[in-house]
Amino acid sequence: MRHVRIAEAEEDDLPSLVDALGQEHYFATQLARQRDGHGVLLVALDRFTPVGDVYVWLAEAEEPELRDGLAGVPLLVHLEVAPRHRGRGIGTRLVLAAEEVVRRRCGRVALGVSPQDHRMHHFYQRLGYRAWRWEPVRTHRESWDEQGRLLREPDLCRVLIKDLPPRSVEGAL
């Protein structure tokens, strides 16, 4: 873990991301979104090898309920850590780094978790996230077929939020 660092992904990281984590179309799409200013792709690197990632969605939410109820609130999406690197605090470091990206823009962050994924609920609760509302929100899950076409599958998520107070000058020193 001492060699793992979190960095913003760059265009030329695509081959190493795909070699280590697969998902070529996902990473190409997120890098394009980042290039267009719609988000930030953060990568956990063990020396120079990607071992995890999270995307900070800065564009307007696609779901009407989120656009209306959490207007302007960035979303954390697609947190992942490679299986053999889990349990080492990398996911926590990715979330904290993503929160710092958000903190510079907004005082709140949101994310969605499957209502059945109790492990991730506990993970986020430990980091200070709380339910935005009890009812799940209709969202979608993105995937790509073998020809690289984007597929959107209906999904339900419980939305969690966290308030991010600004860092004090004293705390930053």
Protein backbone atom coordinates (compact mmCIF):
# COMPACT_ATOMS: atom_id res chain seq x y z
CA MET A 1 0.00 0.00 0.00
CA ARG A 2 2.85 2.40 0.60
CA HIS A 3 3.52 2.50 -3.15
CA VAL A 4 -0.11 3.21 -4.06
CA ARG A 5 -0.85 6.77 -5.09
CA ILE A 6 -4.02 8.39 -6.40
CA ALA A 7 -3.77 10.48 -9.56
CA GLU A 8 -6.02 12.00 -12.18
CA ALA A 9 -6.01 9.76 -15.23
CA GLU A 10 -4.50 11.10 -18.43
CA GLU A 11 -5.30 10.24 -22.03
CA ASP A 12 -2.16 8.15 -22.44
CA ASP A 13 -3.15 6.03 -19.39
CA LEU A 14 -5.81 4.22 -21.44
CA PRO A 15 -3.64 1.22 -22.45
CA SER A 16 -2.45 0.57 -18.87
CA LEU A 17 -5.99 0.98 -17.50
CA VAL A 18 -7.32 -1.55 -20.01
CA ASP A 19 -4.42 -3.97 -19.42
CA ALA A 20 -4.93 -3.90 -15.65
CA LEU A 21 -8.69 -3.43 -15.27
CA GLY A 22 -10.25 -4.23 -18.66
CA GLN A 23 -13.31 -2.18 -19.64
CA GLU A 24 -11.76 -0.41 -22.63
CA HIS A 25 -14.97 1.35 -23.67
CA TYR A 26 -15.73 2.48 -20.12
CA PHE A 27 -12.32 4.08 -19.64
CA ALA A 28 -12.29 5.62 -23.13
CA THR A 29 -15.72 7.15 -22.43
CA GLN A 30 -14.71 8.51 -19.02
CA LEU A 31 -11.48 9.97 -20.39
CA ALA A 32 -13.50 11.69 -23.15
CA ARG A 33 -15.95 13.03 -20.56
CA GLN A 34 -13.03 14.27 -18.49
CA ARG A 35 -11.48 15.95 -21.54
CA ASP A 36 -14.81 17.73 -22.10
CA GLY A 37 -14.88 18.95 -18.49
CA HIS A 38 -17.75 16.71 -17.38
CA GLY A 39 -15.86 14.81 -14.72
CA VAL A 40 -12.59 13.56 -13.29
CA LEU A 41 -11.30 10.00 -13.51
CA LEU A 42 -9.10 9.16 -10.53
CA VAL A 43 -6.86 6.10 -10.61
CA ALA A 44 -5.09 4.25 -7.81
CA LEU A 45 -1.62 3.27 -9.03
CA ASP A 46 0.58 0.63 -7.39
CA ARG A 47 3.85 2.02 -8.64
CA PHE A 48 2.74 2.41 -12.28
CA THR A 49 0.01 -0.24 -12.47
CA PRO A 50 -3.65 0.79 -12.09
CA VAL A 51 -5.33 -1.13 -9.24
CA GLY A 52 -8.53 0.88 -8.84
CA ASP A 53 -10.52 3.88 -9.99
CA VAL A 54 -13.46 6.16 -9.30
CA TYR A 55 -15.14 8.68 -11.56
CA VAL A 56 -16.33 12.06 -10.26
CA TRP A 57 -19.39 12.98 -12.35
CA LEU A 58 -19.49 16.79 -12.55
CA ALA A 59 -22.07 17.12 -15.32
CA GLU A 60 -25.77 17.47 -14.63
CA ALA A 61 -27.26 14.22 -13.34
CA GLU A 62 -29.10 12.21 -15.97
CA GLU A 63 -31.85 11.07 -13.59
CA PRO A 64 -34.68 13.62 -13.17
CA GLU A 65 -35.00 12.91 -9.44
CA LEU A 66 -31.33 13.68 -8.89
CA ARG A 67 -31.38 16.76 -11.14
CA ASP A 68 -34.35 18.11 -9.17
CA GLY A 69 -33.41 17.05 -5.65
CA LEU A 70 -29.62 17.31 -5.81
CA ALA A 71 -29.09 19.96 -8.47
CA GLY A 72 -25.43 20.70 -9.02
CA VAL A 73 -24.23 17.98 -6.64
CA PRO A 74 -21.38 15.92 -8.11
CA LEU A 75 -21.71 12.13 -8.09
CA LEU A 76 -19.14 9.47 -7.34
CA VAL A 77 -19.59 6.58 -9.75
CA HIS A 78 -17.90 3.30 -10.53
CA LEU A 79 -15.65 2.89 -7.50
CA GLU A 80 -13.63 -0.25 -8.05
CA VAL A 81 -10.51 -1.88 -6.68
CA ALA A 82 -8.93 -4.91 -8.35
CA PRO A 83 -9.81 -8.03 -6.33
CA ARG A 84 -6.27 -8.89 -5.23
CA HIS A 85 -5.77 -5.34 -3.91
CA ARG A 86 -8.95 -5.09 -1.83
CA GLY A 87 -8.85 -4.74 1.93
CA ARG A 88 -5.81 -2.46 1.85
CA GLY A 89 -7.57 0.91 2.14
CA ILE A 90 -7.33 1.74 -1.56
CA GLY A 91 -11.10 2.22 -1.94
CA THR A 92 -11.11 4.58 1.03
CA ARG A 93 -8.23 6.58 -0.44
CA LEU A 94 -10.01 6.81 -3.80
CA VAL A 95 -13.19 8.11 -2.16
CA LEU A 96 -11.28 10.65 -0.05
CA ALA A 97 -9.39 11.88 -3.12
CA ALA A 98 -12.67 12.18 -5.03
CA GLU A 99 -14.14 14.16 -2.14
CA GLU A 100 -11.25 16.62 -2.42
CA VAL A 101 -12.01 17.11 -6.12
CA VAL A 102 -15.65 17.78 -5.19
CA ARG A 103 -14.83 20.00 -2.21
CA ARG A 104 -13.22 22.56 -4.54
CA ARG A 105 -16.53 22.87 -6.45
CA CYS A 106 -19.39 22.03 -4.10
CA GLY A 107 -20.15 21.41 -0.46
CA ARG A 108 -21.88 18.07 -1.00
CA VAL A 109 -21.34 14.81 -2.87
CA ALA A 110 -23.71 11.96 -3.69
CA LEU A 111 -23.47 8.37 -4.90
CA GLY A 112 -25.68 5.38 -5.52
CA VAL A 113 -25.46 1.92 -3.99
CA SER A 114 -27.52 -1.15 -4.76
CA PRO A 115 -30.12 -1.61 -2.00
CA GLN A 116 -28.89 -5.20 -1.60
CA ASP A 117 -25.19 -4.34 -1.27
CA HIS A 118 -24.91 -4.14 2.51
CA ARG A 119 -21.10 -4.30 2.43
CA MET A 120 -20.88 -1.09 0.38
CA HIS A 121 -23.54 0.60 2.53
CA HIS A 122 -21.39 -0.04 5.60
CA PHE A 123 -18.26 1.10 3.76
CA TYR A 124 -19.82 4.45 2.84
CA GLN A 125 -21.47 4.91 6.25
CA ARG A 126 -18.04 4.48 7.83
CA LEU A 127 -16.86 7.36 5.61
CA GLY A 128 -19.72 9.63 6.76
CA TYR A 129 -22.32 9.08 4.04
CA ARG A 130 -26.01 8.97 4.93
CA ALA A 131 -29.20 8.20 3.05
CA TRP A 132 -30.52 11.08 0.97
CA ARG A 133 -33.95 9.49 1.11
CA TRP A 134 -35.17 6.04 1.93
CA GLU A 135 -36.74 5.03 -1.38
CA PRO A 136 -34.39 3.81 -4.11
CA VAL A 137 -34.00 5.97 -7.21
CA ARG A 138 -34.46 4.61 -10.72
CA THR A 139 -31.13 4.94 -12.47
CA HIS A 140 -29.31 3.01 -15.17
CA ARG A 141 -26.14 1.00 -15.42
CA GLU A 142 -23.85 1.52 -18.39
CA SER A 143 -22.07 -1.34 -20.12
CA TRP A 144 -20.74 -1.97 -23.60
CA ASP A 145 -21.35 -4.88 -25.94
CA GLU A 146 -18.62 -6.61 -27.95
CA GLN A 147 -18.98 -4.08 -30.78
CA GLY A 148 -18.43 -1.21 -28.37
CA ARG A 149 -22.04 -0.02 -28.34
CA LEU A 150 -23.21 1.61 -25.13
CA LEU A 151 -25.97 -0.31 -23.33
CA ARG A 152 -28.09 1.29 -20.61
CA GLU A 153 -29.78 -1.15 -18.27
CA PRO A 154 -32.38 -0.02 -15.72
CA ASP A 155 -31.11 -0.11 -12.16
CA LEU A 156 -32.25 0.90 -8.70
CA CYS A 157 -29.90 2.66 -6.30
CA ARG A 158 -30.15 3.96 -2.80
CA VAL A 159 -28.64 7.44 -2.95
CA LEU A 160 -26.22 8.42 -0.21
CA ILE A 161 -24.91 11.94 0.40
CA LYS A 162 -22.14 13.55 2.38
CA ASP A 163 -21.69 17.20 3.27
CA LEU A 164 -18.15 18.41 2.63
CA PRO A 165 -17.36 21.49 4.68
CA PRO A 166 -14.52 23.61 3.29
CA ARG A 167 -11.09 22.87 4.67
CA SER A 168 -9.96 25.50 7.12
CA VAL A 169 -6.75 27.35 6.39
CA GLU A 170 -5.32 26.02 9.65
CA GLY A 171 -6.25 22.44 8.71
CA ALA A 172 -4.56 22.81 5.33
CA LEU A 173 -1.18 23.73 6.81
